[in-house]
């Protein structure tokens, strides 16, 4: 009988796998690399990259390491988990909502129809 990794893990470990997948996805996006391109560089299928970024615990550890190395050679898993990469800081800054200022009286009059 085939046993899937997700069925064999408890809910806390599954949550950690999902969190790692999310951080891996954000890291790739922060570096400006498409998922298919990263998978190709790592010698993986796009489906495997998708499973990795979805937090599938059945993906082999070596495949994860190759994928990370394809995105940013020399980066460690610890740096991804701690989100200490400068590209992630830049992505967070871009995602932050901008404060909207109130319209001036002249701008309000221009909009009045």
PDB file of N, CA and C in Angstrom:
ATOM      1  N   UNK A   1       0.837  -1.177   0.000  1.00  0.00           N
ATOM      2  CA  UNK A   1       0.000   0.000   0.000  1.00  0.00           C
ATOM      3  C   UNK A   1       0.885   1.245   0.000  1.00  0.00           C
ATOM      4  N   UNK A   2       0.608   2.159  -0.884  1.00  0.00           N
ATOM      5  CA  UNK A   2       1.388   3.375  -0.997  1.00  0.00           C
ATOM      6  C   UNK A   2       0.966   4.366   0.090  1.00  0.00           C
ATOM      7  N   UNK A   3       1.945   4.933   0.797  1.00  0.00           N
ATOM      8  CA  UNK A   3       1.681   5.909   1.848  1.00  0.00           C
ATOM      9  C   UNK A   3       2.240   7.251   1.393  1.00  0.00           C
ATOM     10  N   UNK A   4       1.390   8.276   1.400  1.00  0.00           N
ATOM     11  CA  UNK A   4       1.873   9.602   1.037  1.00  0.00           C
ATOM     12  C   UNK A   4       2.528  10.245   2.249  1.00  0.00           C
ATOM     13  N   UNK A   5       3.485  11.113   1.994  1.00  0.00           N
ATOM     14  CA  UNK A   5       4.192  11.775   3.088  1.00  0.00           C
ATOM     15  C   UNK A   5       3.249  12.652   3.908  1.00  0.00           C
ATOM     16  N   UNK A   6       2.303  13.292   3.240  1.00  0.00           N
ATOM     17  CA  UNK A   6       1.391  14.177   3.961  1.00  0.00           C
ATOM     18  C   UNK A   6       0.496  13.403   4.915  1.00  0.00           C
ATOM     19  N   UNK A   7       0.189  12.149   4.597  1.00  0.00           N
ATOM     20  CA  UNK A   7      -0.640  11.337   5.496  1.00  0.00           C
ATOM     21  C   UNK A   7       0.167  10.854   6.696  1.00  0.00           C
ATOM     22  N   UNK A   8       1.470  10.731   6.536  1.00  0.00           N
ATOM     23  CA  UNK A   8       2.310  10.211   7.608  1.00  0.00           C
ATOM     24  C   UNK A   8       2.775  11.298   8.578  1.00  0.00           C
ATOM     25  N   UNK A   9       2.593  12.568   8.235  1.00  0.00           N
ATOM     26  CA  UNK A   9       3.062  13.663   9.085  1.00  0.00           C
ATOM     27  C   UNK A   9       1.929  14.220   9.936  1.00  0.00           C
ATOM     28  N   UNK A  10       2.308  14.714  11.114  1.00  0.00           N
ATOM     29  CA  UNK A  10       1.293  15.363  11.946  1.00  0.00           C
ATOM     30  C   UNK A  10       1.042  16.786  11.429  1.00  0.00           C
ATOM     31  N   UNK A  11       0.040  17.442  11.976  1.00  0.00           N
ATOM     32  CA  UNK A  11      -0.376  18.747  11.456  1.00  0.00           C
ATOM     33  C   UNK A  11       0.688  19.822  11.648  1.00  0.00           C
ATOM     34  N   UNK A  12       1.475  19.750  12.725  1.00  0.00           N
ATOM     35  CA  UNK A  12       2.527  20.755  12.955  1.00  0.00           C
ATOM     36  C   UNK A  12       3.615  20.661  11.887  1.00  0.00           C
ATOM     37  N   UNK A  13       4.006  19.427  11.552  1.00  0.00           N
ATOM     38  CA  UNK A  13       5.041  19.254  10.525  1.00  0.00           C
ATOM     39  C   UNK A  13       4.522  19.652   9.144  1.00  0.00           C
ATOM     40  N   UNK A  14       3.259  19.384   8.880  1.00  0.00           N
ATOM     41  CA  UNK A  14       2.674  19.815   7.604  1.00  0.00           C
ATOM     42  C   UNK A  14       2.644  21.335   7.509  1.00  0.00           C
ATOM     43  N   UNK A  15       2.337  21.993   8.636  1.00  0.00           N
ATOM     44  CA  UNK A  15       2.327  23.464   8.644  1.00  0.00           C
ATOM     45  C   UNK A  15       3.730  23.998   8.378  1.00  0.00           C
ATOM     46  N   UNK A  16       4.753  23.357   8.928  1.00  0.00           N
ATOM     47  CA  UNK A  16       6.137  23.784   8.672  1.00  0.00           C
ATOM     48  C   UNK A  16       6.510  23.588   7.216  1.00  0.00           C
ATOM     49  N   UNK A  17       6.070  22.483   6.620  1.00  0.00           N
ATOM     50  CA  UNK A  17       6.347  22.230   5.209  1.00  0.00           C
ATOM     51  C   UNK A  17       5.682  23.295   4.341  1.00  0.00           C
ATOM     52  N   UNK A  18       4.447  23.654   4.658  1.00  0.00           N
ATOM     53  CA  UNK A  18       3.735  24.702   3.910  1.00  0.00           C
ATOM     54  C   UNK A  18       4.439  26.043   4.066  1.00  0.00           C
ATOM     55  N   UNK A  19       4.903  26.343   5.291  1.00  0.00           N
ATOM     56  CA  UNK A  19       5.605  27.608   5.525  1.00  0.00           C
ATOM     57  C   UNK A  19       6.899  27.672   4.730  1.00  0.00           C
ATOM     58  N   UNK A  20       7.643  26.554   4.706  1.00  0.00           N
ATOM     59  CA  UNK A  20       8.880  26.535   3.926  1.00  0.00           C
ATOM     60  C   UNK A  20       8.581  26.743   2.448  1.00  0.00           C
ATOM     61  N   UNK A  21       7.548  26.087   1.941  1.00  0.00           N
ATOM     62  CA  UNK A  21       7.171  26.246   0.534  1.00  0.00           C
ATOM     63  C   UNK A  21       6.814  27.681   0.206  1.00  0.00           C
ATOM     64  N   UNK A  22       6.075  28.335   1.116  1.00  0.00           N
ATOM     65  CA  UNK A  22       5.693  29.726   0.903  1.00  0.00           C
ATOM     66  C   UNK A  22       6.934  30.629   0.882  1.00  0.00           C
ATOM     67  N   UNK A  23       7.855  30.383   1.816  1.00  0.00           N
ATOM     68  CA  UNK A  23       9.067  31.207   1.862  1.00  0.00           C
ATOM     69  C   UNK A  23       9.942  30.965   0.634  1.00  0.00           C
ATOM     70  N   UNK A  24       9.986  29.735   0.171  1.00  0.00           N
ATOM     71  CA  UNK A  24      10.749  29.420  -1.032  1.00  0.00           C
ATOM     72  C   UNK A  24      10.147  30.130  -2.243  1.00  0.00           C
ATOM     73  N   UNK A  25       8.827  30.149  -2.316  1.00  0.00           N
ATOM     74  CA  UNK A  25       8.144  30.841  -3.404  1.00  0.00           C
ATOM     75  C   UNK A  25       8.414  32.345  -3.359  1.00  0.00           C
ATOM     76  N   UNK A  26       8.298  32.947  -2.178  1.00  0.00           N
ATOM     77  CA  UNK A  26       8.573  34.386  -2.027  1.00  0.00           C
ATOM     78  C   UNK A  26      10.025  34.702  -2.389  1.00  0.00           C
ATOM     79  N   UNK A  27      10.935  33.816  -2.027  1.00  0.00           N
ATOM     80  CA  UNK A  27      12.350  34.010  -2.340  1.00  0.00           C
ATOM     81  C   UNK A  27      12.565  34.027  -3.848  1.00  0.00           C
ATOM     82  N   UNK A  28      11.928  33.093  -4.551  1.00  0.00           N
ATOM     83  CA  UNK A  28      12.062  33.041  -6.014  1.00  0.00           C
ATOM     84  C   UNK A  28      11.472  34.297  -6.647  1.00  0.00           C
ATOM     85  N   UNK A  29      10.308  34.707  -6.171  1.00  0.00           N
ATOM     86  CA  UNK A  29       9.650  35.901  -6.703  1.00  0.00           C
ATOM     87  C   UNK A  29      10.501  37.137  -6.430  1.00  0.00           C
ATOM     88  N   UNK A  30      11.077  37.211  -5.239  1.00  0.00           N
ATOM     89  CA  UNK A  30      11.923  38.353  -4.875  1.00  0.00           C
ATOM     90  C   UNK A  30      13.146  38.437  -5.784  1.00  0.00           C
ATOM     91  N   UNK A  31      13.639  37.307  -6.217  1.00  0.00           N
ATOM     92  CA  UNK A  31      14.792  37.282  -7.117  1.00  0.00           C
ATOM     93  C   UNK A  31      14.396  37.506  -8.573  1.00  0.00           C
ATOM     94  N   UNK A  32      13.090  37.576  -8.848  1.00  0.00           N
ATOM     95  CA  UNK A  32      12.624  37.864 -10.203  1.00  0.00           C
ATOM     96  C   UNK A  32      12.792  36.714 -11.176  1.00  0.00           C
ATOM     97  N   UNK A  33      12.668  35.492 -10.686  1.00  0.00           N
ATOM     98  CA  UNK A  33      12.845  34.313 -11.535  1.00  0.00           C
ATOM     99  C   UNK A  33      11.507  33.591 -11.649  1.00  0.00           C
ATOM    100  N   UNK A  34      11.140  33.218 -12.859  1.00  0.00           N
ATOM    101  CA  UNK A  34       9.906  32.473 -13.072  1.00  0.00           C
ATOM    102  C   UNK A  34      10.092  31.044 -12.590  1.00  0.00           C
ATOM    103  N   UNK A  35       9.002  30.443 -12.158  1.00  0.00           N
ATOM    104  CA  UNK A  35       9.046  29.092 -11.627  1.00  0.00           C
ATOM    105  C   UNK A  35       9.571  28.095 -12.653  1.00  0.00           C
ATOM    106  N   UNK A  36       9.108  28.211 -13.885  1.00  0.00           N
ATOM    107  CA  UNK A  36       9.554  27.296 -14.940  1.00  0.00           C
ATOM    108  C   UNK A  36      11.042  27.458 -15.217  1.00  0.00           C
ATOM    109  N   UNK A  37      11.529  28.681 -15.164  1.00  0.00           N
ATOM    110  CA  UNK A  37      12.955  28.933 -15.408  1.00  0.00           C
ATOM    111  C   UNK A  37      13.817  28.338 -14.293  1.00  0.00           C
ATOM    112  N   UNK A  38      13.391  28.518 -13.049  1.00  0.00           N
ATOM    113  CA  UNK A  38      14.133  27.956 -11.917  1.00  0.00           C
ATOM    114  C   UNK A  38      14.147  26.436 -11.979  1.00  0.00           C
ATOM    115  N   UNK A  39      13.009  25.845 -12.347  1.00  0.00           N
ATOM    116  CA  UNK A  39      12.928  24.386 -12.465  1.00  0.00           C
ATOM    117  C   UNK A  39      13.864  23.880 -13.562  1.00  0.00           C
ATOM    118  N   UNK A  40      13.883  24.581 -14.684  1.00  0.00           N
ATOM    119  CA  UNK A  40      14.756  24.192 -15.791  1.00  0.00           C
ATOM    120  C   UNK A  40      16.226  24.263 -15.379  1.00  0.00           C
ATOM    121  N   UNK A  41      16.606  25.349 -14.714  1.00  0.00           N
ATOM    122  CA  UNK A  41      17.990  25.495 -14.244  1.00  0.00           C
ATOM    123  C   UNK A  41      18.385  24.377 -13.282  1.00  0.00           C
ATOM    124  N   UNK A  42      17.422  23.923 -12.466  1.00  0.00           N
ATOM    125  CA  UNK A  42      17.701  22.893 -11.462  1.00  0.00           C
ATOM    126  C   UNK A  42      17.575  21.481 -12.027  1.00  0.00           C
ATOM    127  N   UNK A  43      17.111  21.366 -13.265  1.00  0.00           N
ATOM    128  CA  UNK A  43      16.931  20.052 -13.864  1.00  0.00           C
ATOM    129  C   UNK A  43      15.707  19.337 -13.318  1.00  0.00           C
ATOM    130  N   UNK A  44      14.680  20.105 -12.979  1.00  0.00           N
ATOM    131  CA  UNK A  44      13.443  19.559 -12.422  1.00  0.00           C
ATOM    132  C   UNK A  44      12.279  19.891 -13.342  1.00  0.00           C
ATOM    133  N   UNK A  45      11.177  19.199 -13.147  1.00  0.00           N
ATOM    134  CA  UNK A  45       9.971  19.553 -13.892  1.00  0.00           C
ATOM    135  C   UNK A  45       9.301  20.729 -13.196  1.00  0.00           C
ATOM    136  N   UNK A  46       8.484  21.448 -13.937  1.00  0.00           N
ATOM    137  CA  UNK A  46       7.763  22.566 -13.340  1.00  0.00           C
ATOM    138  C   UNK A  46       6.783  22.062 -12.288  1.00  0.00           C
ATOM    139  N   UNK A  47       6.245  20.878 -12.491  1.00  0.00           N
ATOM    140  CA  UNK A  47       5.334  20.282 -11.519  1.00  0.00           C
ATOM    141  C   UNK A  47       6.058  20.036 -10.180  1.00  0.00           C
ATOM    142  N   UNK A  48       7.291  19.583 -10.233  1.00  0.00           N
ATOM    143  CA  UNK A  48       8.060  19.366  -9.008  1.00  0.00           C
ATOM    144  C   UNK A  48       8.309  20.691  -8.307  1.00  0.00           C
ATOM    145  N   UNK A  49       8.624  21.729  -9.065  1.00  0.00           N
ATOM    146  CA  UNK A  49       8.822  23.055  -8.476  1.00  0.00           C
ATOM    147  C   UNK A  49       7.534  23.545  -7.832  1.00  0.00           C
ATOM    148  N   UNK A  50       6.413  23.314  -8.489  1.00  0.00           N
ATOM    149  CA  UNK A  50       5.114  23.702  -7.933  1.00  0.00           C
ATOM    150  C   UNK A  50       4.858  22.959  -6.622  1.00  0.00           C
ATOM    151  N   UNK A  51       5.119  21.658  -6.616  1.00  0.00           N
ATOM    152  CA  UNK A  51       4.924  20.862  -5.394  1.00  0.00           C
ATOM    153  C   UNK A  51       5.817  21.355  -4.270  1.00  0.00           C
ATOM    154  N   UNK A  52       7.040  21.710  -4.603  1.00  0.00           N
ATOM    155  CA  UNK A  52       7.989  22.228  -3.617  1.00  0.00           C
ATOM    156  C   UNK A  52       7.458  23.510  -2.981  1.00  0.00           C
ATOM    157  N   UNK A  53       7.020  24.417  -3.815  1.00  0.00           N
ATOM    158  CA  UNK A  53       6.539  25.717  -3.339  1.00  0.00           C
ATOM    159  C   UNK A  53       5.168  25.612  -2.668  1.00  0.00           C
ATOM    160  N   UNK A  54       4.484  24.499  -2.874  1.00  0.00           N
ATOM    161  CA  UNK A  54       3.211  24.271  -2.199  1.00  0.00           C
ATOM    162  C   UNK A  54       3.412  23.603  -0.840  1.00  0.00           C
ATOM    163  N   UNK A  55       4.632  23.208  -0.550  1.00  0.00           N
ATOM    164  CA  UNK A  55       4.924  22.589   0.734  1.00  0.00           C
ATOM    165  C   UNK A  55       4.724  21.090   0.755  1.00  0.00           C
ATOM    166  N   UNK A  56       4.817  20.439  -0.391  1.00  0.00           N
ATOM    167  CA  UNK A  56       4.667  18.989  -0.462  1.00  0.00           C
ATOM    168  C   UNK A  56       5.870  18.330   0.209  1.00  0.00           C
ATOM    169  N   UNK A  57       5.662  17.567   1.287  1.00  0.00           N
ATOM    170  CA  UNK A  57       6.785  16.947   1.981  1.00  0.00           C
ATOM    171  C   UNK A  57       7.365  15.743   1.254  1.00  0.00           C
ATOM    172  N   UNK A  58       6.758  15.328   0.160  1.00  0.00           N
ATOM    173  CA  UNK A  58       7.247  14.179  -0.590  1.00  0.00           C
ATOM    174  C   UNK A  58       8.360  14.507  -1.571  1.00  0.00           C
ATOM    175  N   UNK A  59       8.722  15.775  -1.701  1.00  0.00           N
ATOM    176  CA  UNK A  59       9.796  16.171  -2.617  1.00  0.00           C
ATOM    177  C   UNK A  59      11.132  15.850  -1.957  1.00  0.00           C
ATOM    178  N   UNK A  60      12.037  15.275  -2.730  1.00  0.00           N
ATOM    179  CA  UNK A  60      13.345  14.876  -2.199  1.00  0.00           C
ATOM    180  C   UNK A  60      14.171  16.088  -1.782  1.00  0.00           C
ATOM    181  N   UNK A  61      14.920  15.923  -0.719  1.00  0.00           N
ATOM    182  CA  UNK A  61      15.735  17.004  -0.172  1.00  0.00           C
ATOM    183  C   UNK A  61      16.767  17.494  -1.192  1.00  0.00           C
ATOM    184  N   UNK A  62      17.343  16.590  -1.945  1.00  0.00           N
ATOM    185  CA  UNK A  62      18.318  16.974  -2.971  1.00  0.00           C
ATOM    186  C   UNK A  62      17.700  17.863  -4.039  1.00  0.00           C
ATOM    187  N   UNK A  63      16.445  17.605  -4.371  1.00  0.00           N
ATOM    188  CA  UNK A  63      15.761  18.434  -5.351  1.00  0.00           C
ATOM    189  C   UNK A  63      15.548  19.850  -4.804  1.00  0.00           C
ATOM    190  N   UNK A  64      15.239  19.944  -3.528  1.00  0.00           N
ATOM    191  CA  UNK A  64      15.068  21.261  -2.900  1.00  0.00           C
ATOM    192  C   UNK A  64      16.376  22.028  -2.950  1.00  0.00           C
ATOM    193  N   UNK A  65      17.471  21.361  -2.622  1.00  0.00           N
ATOM    194  CA  UNK A  65      18.780  22.027  -2.639  1.00  0.00           C
ATOM    195  C   UNK A  65      19.160  22.485  -4.042  1.00  0.00           C
ATOM    196  N   UNK A  66      18.898  21.651  -5.051  1.00  0.00           N
ATOM    197  CA  UNK A  66      19.193  22.041  -6.434  1.00  0.00           C
ATOM    198  C   UNK A  66      18.352  23.238  -6.855  1.00  0.00           C
ATOM    199  N   UNK A  67      17.080  23.257  -6.447  1.00  0.00           N
ATOM    200  CA  UNK A  67      16.168  24.349  -6.793  1.00  0.00           C
ATOM    201  C   UNK A  67      16.640  25.656  -6.166  1.00  0.00           C
ATOM    202  N   UNK A  68      17.009  25.608  -4.896  1.00  0.00           N
ATOM    203  CA  UNK A  68      17.506  26.804  -4.210  1.00  0.00           C
ATOM    204  C   UNK A  68      18.784  27.296  -4.875  1.00  0.00           C
ATOM    205  N   UNK A  69      19.676  26.378  -5.222  1.00  0.00           N
ATOM    206  CA  UNK A  69      20.936  26.752  -5.873  1.00  0.00           C
ATOM    207  C   UNK A  69      20.694  27.342  -7.257  1.00  0.00           C
ATOM    208  N   UNK A  70      19.644  26.888  -7.932  1.00  0.00           N
ATOM    209  CA  UNK A  70      19.320  27.439  -9.251  1.00  0.00           C
ATOM    210  C   UNK A  70      18.798  28.867  -9.134  1.00  0.00           C
ATOM    211  N   UNK A  71      18.118  29.172  -8.042  1.00  0.00           N
ATOM    212  CA  UNK A  71      17.580  30.514  -7.841  1.00  0.00           C
ATOM    213  C   UNK A  71      18.692  31.481  -7.438  1.00  0.00           C
ATOM    214  N   UNK A  72      19.505  31.072  -6.474  1.00  0.00           N
ATOM    215  CA  UNK A  72      20.582  31.928  -5.970  1.00  0.00           C
ATOM    216  C   UNK A  72      21.725  31.051  -5.482  1.00  0.00           C
ATOM    217  N   UNK A  73      22.733  30.841  -6.310  1.00  0.00           N
ATOM    218  CA  UNK A  73      23.865  30.012  -5.895  1.00  0.00           C
ATOM    219  C   UNK A  73      24.526  30.550  -4.621  1.00  0.00           C
ATOM    220  N   UNK A  74      24.803  29.648  -3.703  1.00  0.00           N
ATOM    221  CA  UNK A  74      25.485  30.027  -2.477  1.00  0.00           C
ATOM    222  C   UNK A  74      24.571  30.373  -1.320  1.00  0.00           C
ATOM    223  N   UNK A  75      23.278  30.494  -1.559  1.00  0.00           N
ATOM    224  CA  UNK A  75      22.345  30.827  -0.480  1.00  0.00           C
ATOM    225  C   UNK A  75      22.054  29.554   0.322  1.00  0.00           C
ATOM    226  N   UNK A  76      21.803  29.712   1.599  1.00  0.00           N
ATOM    227  CA  UNK A  76      21.511  28.559   2.448  1.00  0.00           C
ATOM    228  C   UNK A  76      20.028  28.500   2.776  1.00  0.00           C
ATOM    229  N   UNK A  77      19.581  27.332   3.181  1.00  0.00           N
ATOM    230  CA  UNK A  77      18.186  27.174   3.591  1.00  0.00           C
ATOM    231  C   UNK A  77      17.895  28.019   4.826  1.00  0.00           C
ATOM    232  N   UNK A  78      18.887  28.164   5.685  1.00  0.00           N
ATOM    233  CA  UNK A  78      18.715  28.988   6.880  1.00  0.00           C
ATOM    234  C   UNK A  78      18.439  30.443   6.503  1.00  0.00           C
ATOM    235  N   UNK A  79      19.116  30.943   5.481  1.00  0.00           N
ATOM    236  CA  UNK A  79      18.888  32.314   5.035  1.00  0.00           C
ATOM    237  C   UNK A  79      17.486  32.479   4.460  1.00  0.00           C
ATOM    238  N   UNK A  80      16.984  31.448   3.806  1.00  0.00           N
ATOM    239  CA  UNK A  80      15.630  31.517   3.268  1.00  0.00           C
ATOM    240  C   UNK A  80      14.620  31.512   4.410  1.00  0.00           C
ATOM    241  N   UNK A  81      14.805  30.624   5.372  1.00  0.00           N
ATOM    242  CA  UNK A  81      13.862  30.527   6.487  1.00  0.00           C
ATOM    243  C   UNK A  81      13.888  31.771   7.369  1.00  0.00           C
ATOM    244  N   UNK A  82      15.053  32.375   7.551  1.00  0.00           N
ATOM    245  CA  UNK A  82      15.142  33.579   8.383  1.00  0.00           C
ATOM    246  C   UNK A  82      14.804  34.841   7.599  1.00  0.00           C
ATOM    247  N   UNK A  83      14.611  34.692   6.297  1.00  0.00           N
ATOM    248  CA  UNK A  83      14.279  35.796   5.395  1.00  0.00           C
ATOM    249  C   UNK A  83      15.287  36.938   5.515  1.00  0.00           C
ATOM    250  N   UNK A  84      16.572  36.570   5.550  1.00  0.00           N
ATOM    251  CA  UNK A  84      17.629  37.574   5.691  1.00  0.00           C
ATOM    252  C   UNK A  84      18.193  38.039   4.355  1.00  0.00           C
ATOM    253  N   UNK A  85      17.657  37.544   3.254  1.00  0.00           N
ATOM    254  CA  UNK A  85      18.149  37.933   1.938  1.00  0.00           C
ATOM    255  C   UNK A  85      17.679  39.346   1.604  1.00  0.00           C
ATOM    256  N   UNK A  86      18.544  40.208   1.077  1.00  0.00           N
ATOM    257  CA  UNK A  86      18.148  41.576   0.722  1.00  0.00           C
ATOM    258  C   UNK A  86      17.022  41.641  -0.314  1.00  0.00           C
ATOM    259  N   UNK A  87      16.944  40.664  -1.190  1.00  0.00           N
ATOM    260  CA  UNK A  87      15.871  40.658  -2.189  1.00  0.00           C
ATOM    261  C   UNK A  87      14.504  40.505  -1.515  1.00  0.00           C
ATOM    262  N   UNK A  88      14.443  39.750  -0.423  1.00  0.00           N
ATOM    263  CA  UNK A  88      13.180  39.599   0.313  1.00  0.00           C
ATOM    264  C   UNK A  88      12.789  40.898   1.010  1.00  0.00           C
ATOM    265  N   UNK A  89      13.781  41.626   1.504  1.00  0.00           N
ATOM    266  CA  UNK A  89      13.492  42.923   2.129  1.00  0.00           C
ATOM    267  C   UNK A  89      12.936  43.893   1.086  1.00  0.00           C
ATOM    268  N   UNK A  90      13.503  43.866  -0.110  1.00  0.00           N
ATOM    269  CA  UNK A  90      13.019  44.736  -1.186  1.00  0.00           C
ATOM    270  C   UNK A  90      11.601  44.347  -1.603  1.00  0.00           C
ATOM    271  N   UNK A  91      11.306  43.044  -1.655  1.00  0.00           N
ATOM    272  CA  UNK A  91       9.964  42.586  -1.994  1.00  0.00           C
ATOM    273  C   UNK A  91       8.961  43.035  -0.938  1.00  0.00           C
ATOM    274  N   UNK A  92       9.320  42.922   0.325  1.00  0.00           N
ATOM    275  CA  UNK A  92       8.433  43.365   1.411  1.00  0.00           C
ATOM    276  C   UNK A  92       8.155  44.860   1.307  1.00  0.00           C
ATOM    277  N   UNK A  93       9.173  45.629   0.956  1.00  0.00           N
ATOM    278  CA  UNK A  93       9.004  47.073   0.809  1.00  0.00           C
ATOM    279  C   UNK A  93       8.041  47.388  -0.340  1.00  0.00           C
ATOM    280  N   UNK A  94       8.189  46.672  -1.461  1.00  0.00           N
ATOM    281  CA  UNK A  94       7.302  46.889  -2.607  1.00  0.00           C
ATOM    282  C   UNK A  94       5.868  46.488  -2.289  1.00  0.00           C
ATOM    283  N   UNK A  95       5.686  45.476  -1.459  1.00  0.00           N
ATOM    284  CA  UNK A  95       4.349  44.997  -1.133  1.00  0.00           C
ATOM    285  C   UNK A  95       3.641  45.866  -0.096  1.00  0.00           C
ATOM    286  N   UNK A  96       4.419  46.629   0.643  1.00  0.00           N
ATOM    287  CA  UNK A  96       3.835  47.472   1.677  1.00  0.00           C
ATOM    288  C   UNK A  96       2.879  48.478   1.056  1.00  0.00           C
ATOM    289  N   UNK A  97       1.768  48.682   1.701  1.00  0.00           N
ATOM    290  CA  UNK A  97       0.801  49.638   1.159  1.00  0.00           C
ATOM    291  C   UNK A  97       1.335  51.049   1.332  1.00  0.00           C
ATOM    292  N   UNK A  98       1.010  51.869   0.383  1.00  0.00           N
ATOM    293  CA  UNK A  98       1.441  53.262   0.414  1.00  0.00           C
ATOM    294  C   UNK A  98       0.359  54.100   1.075  1.00  0.00           C
ATOM    295  N   UNK A  99       0.766  55.060   1.834  1.00  0.00           N
ATOM    296  CA  UNK A  99      -0.174  55.959   2.483  1.00  0.00           C
ATOM    297  C   UNK A  99      -0.743  56.919   1.451  1.00  0.00           C
ATOM    298  N   UNK A 100      -2.025  57.072   1.468  1.00  0.00           N
ATOM    299  CA  UNK A 100      -2.702  57.942   0.515  1.00  0.00           C
ATOM    300  C   UNK A 100      -2.976  59.276   1.197  1.00  0.00           C
ATOM    301  N   UNK A 101      -2.622  60.340   0.526  1.00  0.00           N
ATOM    302  CA  UNK A 101      -2.842  61.667   1.093  1.00  0.00           C
ATOM    303  C   UNK A 101      -4.229  62.163   0.719  1.00  0.00           C
ATOM    304  N   UNK A 102      -4.740  63.107   1.492  1.00  0.00           N
ATOM    305  CA  UNK A 102      -6.025  63.723   1.190  1.00  0.00           C
ATOM    306  C   UNK A 102      -5.884  64.641  -0.017  1.00  0.00           C
ATOM    307  N   UNK A 103      -6.976  64.792  -0.742  1.00  0.00           N
ATOM    308  CA  UNK A 103      -6.980  65.696  -1.896  1.00  0.00           C
ATOM    309  C   UNK A 103      -6.996  67.144  -1.422  1.00  0.00           C
ATOM    310  N   UNK A 104      -6.331  67.989  -2.186  1.00  0.00           N
ATOM    311  CA  UNK A 104      -6.368  69.423  -1.883  1.00  0.00           C
ATOM    312  C   UNK A 104      -7.706  69.985  -2.363  1.00  0.00           C
ATOM    313  N   UNK A 105      -8.025  71.199  -1.932  1.00  0.00           N
ATOM    314  CA  UNK A 105      -9.289  71.819  -2.324  1.00  0.00           C
ATOM    315  C   UNK A 105      -9.368  71.992  -3.841  1.00  0.00           C
ATOM    316  N   UNK A 106      -8.270  72.359  -4.496  1.00  0.00           N
ATOM    317  CA  UNK A 106      -8.280  72.547  -5.940  1.00  0.00           C
ATOM    318  C   UNK A 106      -8.483  71.200  -6.668  1.00  0.00           C
ATOM    319  N   UNK A 107      -7.912  70.116  -6.123  1.00  0.00           N
ATOM    320  CA  UNK A 107      -8.111  68.797  -6.733  1.00  0.00           C
ATOM    321  C   UNK A 107      -9.562  68.325  -6.579  1.00  0.00           C
ATOM    322  N   UNK A 108     -10.174  68.640  -5.446  1.00  0.00           N
ATOM    323  CA  UNK A 108     -11.573  68.309  -5.234  1.00  0.00           C
ATOM    324  C   UNK A 108     -12.463  69.056  -6.214  1.00  0.00           C
ATOM    325  N   UNK A 109     -12.152  70.339  -6.449  1.00  0.00           N
ATOM    326  CA  UNK A 109     -12.938  71.162  -7.382  1.00  0.00           C
ATOM    327  C   UNK A 109     -12.787  70.644  -8.805  1.00  0.00           C
ATOM    328  N   UNK A 110     -11.599  70.152  -9.162  1.00  0.00           N
ATOM    329  CA  UNK A 110     -11.400  69.596 -10.494  1.00  0.00           C
ATOM    330  C   UNK A 110     -12.253  68.341 -10.706  1.00  0.00           C
ATOM    331  N   UNK A 111     -12.442  67.577  -9.658  1.00  0.00           N
ATOM    332  CA  UNK A 111     -13.216  66.342  -9.759  1.00  0.00           C
ATOM    333  C   UNK A 111     -14.715  66.573  -9.665  1.00  0.00           C
ATOM    334  N   UNK A 112     -15.123  67.732  -9.195  1.00  0.00           N
ATOM    335  CA  UNK A 112     -16.540  68.020  -9.026  1.00  0.00           C
ATOM    336  C   UNK A 112     -17.187  68.204 -10.399  1.00  0.00           C
ATOM    337  N   UNK A 113     -18.166  67.392 -10.716  1.00  0.00           N
ATOM    338  CA  UNK A 113     -18.837  67.498 -12.001  1.00  0.00           C
ATOM    339  C   UNK A 113     -20.270  67.630 -11.749  1.00  0.00           C
TER     340      UNK A 113
END
